[in-house]
Amino acid sequence: MEFKMPLRVYMEDTDAGGIVFYVNYLKFLERARTEYMRELGFHKAAFIDESLMFVVTSLTTKYLRPAKLDEQLIVTARVIAAAKASLSFEQLVYRGDEVLCEGQVKLACVDKESLKPKRMPEALLAVLNV
């Protein structure tokens, strides 16, 4: 399943020339992953009771075209691999049909105290069909 989220480019997202500052694409990707998990029924607060959290273990991005101030974008998130304690996402940022940025993000599920890998909740694994 591919999750899609609309996003508007605001002044705070851009440099002095009105072009989205490269690091803000990472924020866009994070928002889309967070909203995707929320749509599946797993918002961040749900993990507090389970003493779990997700941490980024690897990230690659490819910037293809610049986004500009006030443009309407679509940010996607799709799980491409899942294991008992990790998830890998493919993410894209579009303007219309044009891909502006490609990203691949791997997350590890860890214990909040020890920061050691911990199995994801069975309910999440079931939703992801792992």
C-alpha atoms as a PDB file:
ATOM      1  CA  MET A   1       0.000   0.000   0.000  1.00  0.00           C
ATOM      2  CA  GLU A   2       1.294   3.439  -0.917  1.00  0.00           C
ATOM      3  CA  PHE A   3       0.340   6.297   1.377  1.00  0.00           C
ATOM      4  CA  LYS A   4       0.011   9.771  -0.200  1.00  0.00           C
ATOM      5  CA  MET A   5       0.019  13.060   1.659  1.00  0.00           C
ATOM      6  CA  PRO A   6      -0.489  16.526   0.166  1.00  0.00           C
ATOM      7  CA  LEU A   7       1.909  19.211   1.323  1.00  0.00           C
ATOM      8  CA  ARG A   8       2.229  22.927   0.573  1.00  0.00           C
ATOM      9  CA  VAL A   9       5.673  24.585   0.458  1.00  0.00           C
ATOM     10  CA  TYR A  10       5.837  27.469   2.928  1.00  0.00           C
ATOM     11  CA  MET A  11       8.380  30.259   3.330  1.00  0.00           C
ATOM     12  CA  GLU A  12       9.925  28.409   6.297  1.00  0.00           C
ATOM     13  CA  ASP A  13      10.734  25.475   3.969  1.00  0.00           C
ATOM     14  CA  THR A  14      12.762  27.555   1.524  1.00  0.00           C
ATOM     15  CA  ASP A  15      16.081  29.328   1.215  1.00  0.00           C
ATOM     16  CA  ALA A  16      16.427  33.014   0.284  1.00  0.00           C
ATOM     17  CA  GLY A  17      15.748  32.148  -3.361  1.00  0.00           C
ATOM     18  CA  GLY A  18      12.406  30.483  -2.672  1.00  0.00           C
ATOM     19  CA  ILE A  19      13.767  26.963  -3.308  1.00  0.00           C
ATOM     20  CA  VAL A  20      13.076  24.201  -0.767  1.00  0.00           C
ATOM     21  CA  PHE A  21      16.202  23.784   1.375  1.00  0.00           C
ATOM     22  CA  TYR A  22      17.477  20.227   0.885  1.00  0.00           C
ATOM     23  CA  VAL A  23      17.192  19.137   4.519  1.00  0.00           C
ATOM     24  CA  ASN A  24      13.495  20.040   4.568  1.00  0.00           C
ATOM     25  CA  TYR A  25      12.784  17.149   2.212  1.00  0.00           C
ATOM     26  CA  LEU A  26      13.774  14.901   5.141  1.00  0.00           C
ATOM     27  CA  LYS A  27      11.085  16.612   7.219  1.00  0.00           C
ATOM     28  CA  PHE A  28       8.558  16.010   4.448  1.00  0.00           C
ATOM     29  CA  LEU A  29       9.496  12.308   4.359  1.00  0.00           C
ATOM     30  CA  GLU A  30       9.227  12.052   8.156  1.00  0.00           C
ATOM     31  CA  ARG A  31       5.775  13.637   8.144  1.00  0.00           C
ATOM     32  CA  ALA A  32       4.542  11.214   5.497  1.00  0.00           C
ATOM     33  CA  ARG A  33       5.866   8.169   7.406  1.00  0.00           C
ATOM     34  CA  THR A  34       4.289   9.446  10.621  1.00  0.00           C
ATOM     35  CA  GLU A  35       0.916  10.043   8.962  1.00  0.00           C
ATOM     36  CA  TYR A  36       1.086   6.653   7.234  1.00  0.00           C
ATOM     37  CA  MET A  37       1.621   4.919  10.585  1.00  0.00           C
ATOM     38  CA  ARG A  38      -1.201   7.000  12.090  1.00  0.00           C
ATOM     39  CA  GLU A  39      -3.502   5.899   9.267  1.00  0.00           C
ATOM     40  CA  LEU A  40      -2.625   2.283  10.110  1.00  0.00           C
ATOM     41  CA  GLY A  41      -3.636   3.000  13.731  1.00  0.00           C
ATOM     42  CA  PHE A  42      -0.155   3.412  15.207  1.00  0.00           C
ATOM     43  CA  HIS A  43       0.425   7.019  16.188  1.00  0.00           C
ATOM     44  CA  LYS A  44       3.572   7.881  18.147  1.00  0.00           C
ATOM     45  CA  ALA A  45       1.753   8.080  21.483  1.00  0.00           C
ATOM     46  CA  ALA A  46       0.641   4.444  21.095  1.00  0.00           C
ATOM     47  CA  PHE A  47       4.240   3.285  21.400  1.00  0.00           C
ATOM     48  CA  ILE A  48       4.912   5.091  24.684  1.00  0.00           C
ATOM     49  CA  ASP A  49       2.961   2.466  26.620  1.00  0.00           C
ATOM     50  CA  GLU A  50       4.965  -0.273  24.967  1.00  0.00           C
ATOM     51  CA  SER A  51       8.327   1.406  25.654  1.00  0.00           C
ATOM     52  CA  LEU A  52       9.186   1.317  21.966  1.00  0.00           C
ATOM     53  CA  MET A  53      10.376   3.843  19.456  1.00  0.00           C
ATOM     54  CA  PHE A  54      11.600   3.849  15.888  1.00  0.00           C
ATOM     55  CA  VAL A  55      15.016   5.229  14.975  1.00  0.00           C
ATOM     56  CA  VAL A  56      16.423   5.867  11.515  1.00  0.00           C
ATOM     57  CA  THR A  57      19.334   3.532  10.808  1.00  0.00           C
ATOM     58  CA  SER A  58      19.945   4.461   7.178  1.00  0.00           C
ATOM     59  CA  LEU A  59      18.747   7.025   4.700  1.00  0.00           C
ATOM     60  CA  THR A  60      19.494   7.722   1.066  1.00  0.00           C
ATOM     61  CA  THR A  61      18.041  10.578  -0.934  1.00  0.00           C
ATOM     62  CA  LYS A  62      18.294  11.659  -4.518  1.00  0.00           C
ATOM     63  CA  TYR A  63      17.295  15.205  -5.388  1.00  0.00           C
ATOM     64  CA  LEU A  64      16.067  15.438  -8.963  1.00  0.00           C
ATOM     65  CA  ARG A  65      14.283  18.799  -9.277  1.00  0.00           C
ATOM     66  CA  PRO A  66      13.742  21.735  -6.920  1.00  0.00           C
ATOM     67  CA  ALA A  67      10.425  22.484  -5.258  1.00  0.00           C
ATOM     68  CA  LYS A  68       9.549  26.135  -4.859  1.00  0.00           C
ATOM     69  CA  LEU A  69       7.643  28.415  -2.547  1.00  0.00           C
ATOM     70  CA  ASP A  70       3.851  27.905  -2.500  1.00  0.00           C
ATOM     71  CA  GLU A  71       3.879  24.774  -4.654  1.00  0.00           C
ATOM     72  CA  GLN A  72       1.544  21.903  -3.829  1.00  0.00           C
ATOM     73  CA  LEU A  73       3.440  18.613  -3.463  1.00  0.00           C
ATOM     74  CA  ILE A  74       2.538  14.996  -2.798  1.00  0.00           C
ATOM     75  CA  VAL A  75       4.760  12.956  -0.488  1.00  0.00           C
ATOM     76  CA  THR A  76       4.452   9.173  -0.514  1.00  0.00           C
ATOM     77  CA  ALA A  77       5.478   6.393   1.850  1.00  0.00           C
ATOM     78  CA  ARG A  78       5.482   2.689   1.046  1.00  0.00           C
ATOM     79  CA  VAL A  79       6.916  -0.178   3.093  1.00  0.00           C
ATOM     80  CA  ILE A  80       9.258  -2.147   0.837  1.00  0.00           C
ATOM     81  CA  ALA A  81      10.651  -4.514   3.484  1.00  0.00           C
ATOM     82  CA  ALA A  82       9.699  -5.467   7.006  1.00  0.00           C
ATOM     83  CA  ALA A  83      11.309  -7.706   9.578  1.00  0.00           C
ATOM     84  CA  LYS A  84      10.521  -8.358  13.224  1.00  0.00           C
ATOM     85  CA  ALA A  85      12.380  -5.239  14.387  1.00  0.00           C
ATOM     86  CA  SER A  86      12.828  -3.082  11.276  1.00  0.00           C
ATOM     87  CA  LEU A  87      10.973  -1.397   8.436  1.00  0.00           C
ATOM     88  CA  SER A  88      12.269  -0.057   5.127  1.00  0.00           C
ATOM     89  CA  PHE A  89      10.364   2.603   3.224  1.00  0.00           C
ATOM     90  CA  GLU A  90      10.515   3.919  -0.302  1.00  0.00           C
ATOM     91  CA  GLN A  91       9.411   7.541  -0.428  1.00  0.00           C
ATOM     92  CA  LEU A  92       8.855  10.035  -3.211  1.00  0.00           C
ATOM     93  CA  VAL A  93       8.093  13.739  -3.400  1.00  0.00           C
ATOM     94  CA  TYR A  94       6.047  14.757  -6.443  1.00  0.00           C
ATOM     95  CA  ARG A  95       4.924  17.971  -8.062  1.00  0.00           C
ATOM     96  CA  GLY A  96       2.100  16.778 -10.286  1.00  0.00           C
ATOM     97  CA  ASP A  97       3.519  13.755 -12.124  1.00  0.00           C
ATOM     98  CA  GLU A  98       7.134  14.915 -11.763  1.00  0.00           C
ATOM     99  CA  VAL A  99       9.312  13.220  -9.128  1.00  0.00           C
ATOM    100  CA  LEU A 100      11.376  15.832  -7.289  1.00  0.00           C
ATOM    101  CA  CYS A 101      13.025  13.679  -4.625  1.00  0.00           C
ATOM    102  CA  GLU A 102      13.478   9.948  -4.029  1.00  0.00           C
ATOM    103  CA  GLY A 103      14.238   8.514  -0.610  1.00  0.00           C
ATOM    104  CA  GLN A 104      14.812   5.159   1.011  1.00  0.00           C
ATOM    105  CA  VAL A 105      14.654   5.031   4.799  1.00  0.00           C
ATOM    106  CA  LYS A 106      15.300   2.110   7.133  1.00  0.00           C
ATOM    107  CA  LEU A 107      13.948   2.252  10.679  1.00  0.00           C
ATOM    108  CA  ALA A 108      14.748   0.025  13.623  1.00  0.00           C
ATOM    109  CA  CYS A 109      12.283  -0.642  16.417  1.00  0.00           C
ATOM    110  CA  VAL A 110      14.143  -0.264  19.712  1.00  0.00           C
ATOM    111  CA  ASP A 111      13.507  -0.331  23.432  1.00  0.00           C
ATOM    112  CA  LYS A 112      13.283   3.277  24.666  1.00  0.00           C
ATOM    113  CA  GLU A 113      15.515   2.616  27.683  1.00  0.00           C
ATOM    114  CA  SER A 114      18.227   0.326  26.343  1.00  0.00           C
ATOM    115  CA  LEU A 115      18.013   1.449  22.681  1.00  0.00           C
ATOM    116  CA  LYS A 116      18.460  -2.199  21.717  1.00  0.00           C
ATOM    117  CA  PRO A 117      16.384  -3.760  18.930  1.00  0.00           C
ATOM    118  CA  LYS A 118      12.968  -4.933  20.035  1.00  0.00           C
ATOM    119  CA  ARG A 119      10.232  -6.789  18.199  1.00  0.00           C
ATOM    120  CA  MET A 120       7.466  -4.618  16.802  1.00  0.00           C
ATOM    121  CA  PRO A 121       3.965  -5.141  18.196  1.00  0.00           C
ATOM    122  CA  GLU A 122       2.147  -8.123  16.667  1.00  0.00           C
ATOM    123  CA  ALA A 123      -0.722  -5.853  15.624  1.00  0.00           C
ATOM    124  CA  LEU A 124       1.641  -3.721  13.510  1.00  0.00           C
ATOM    125  CA  LEU A 125       3.299  -6.775  11.982  1.00  0.00           C
ATOM    126  CA  ALA A 126      -0.142  -8.131  11.086  1.00  0.00           C
ATOM    127  CA  VAL A 127      -1.192  -4.867   9.388  1.00  0.00           C
ATOM    128  CA  LEU A 128       2.050  -4.898   7.405  1.00  0.00           C
ATOM    129  CA  ASN A 129       1.518  -8.575   6.510  1.00  0.00           C
ATOM    130  CA  VAL A 130       4.894  -9.657   7.861  1.00  0.00           C
END
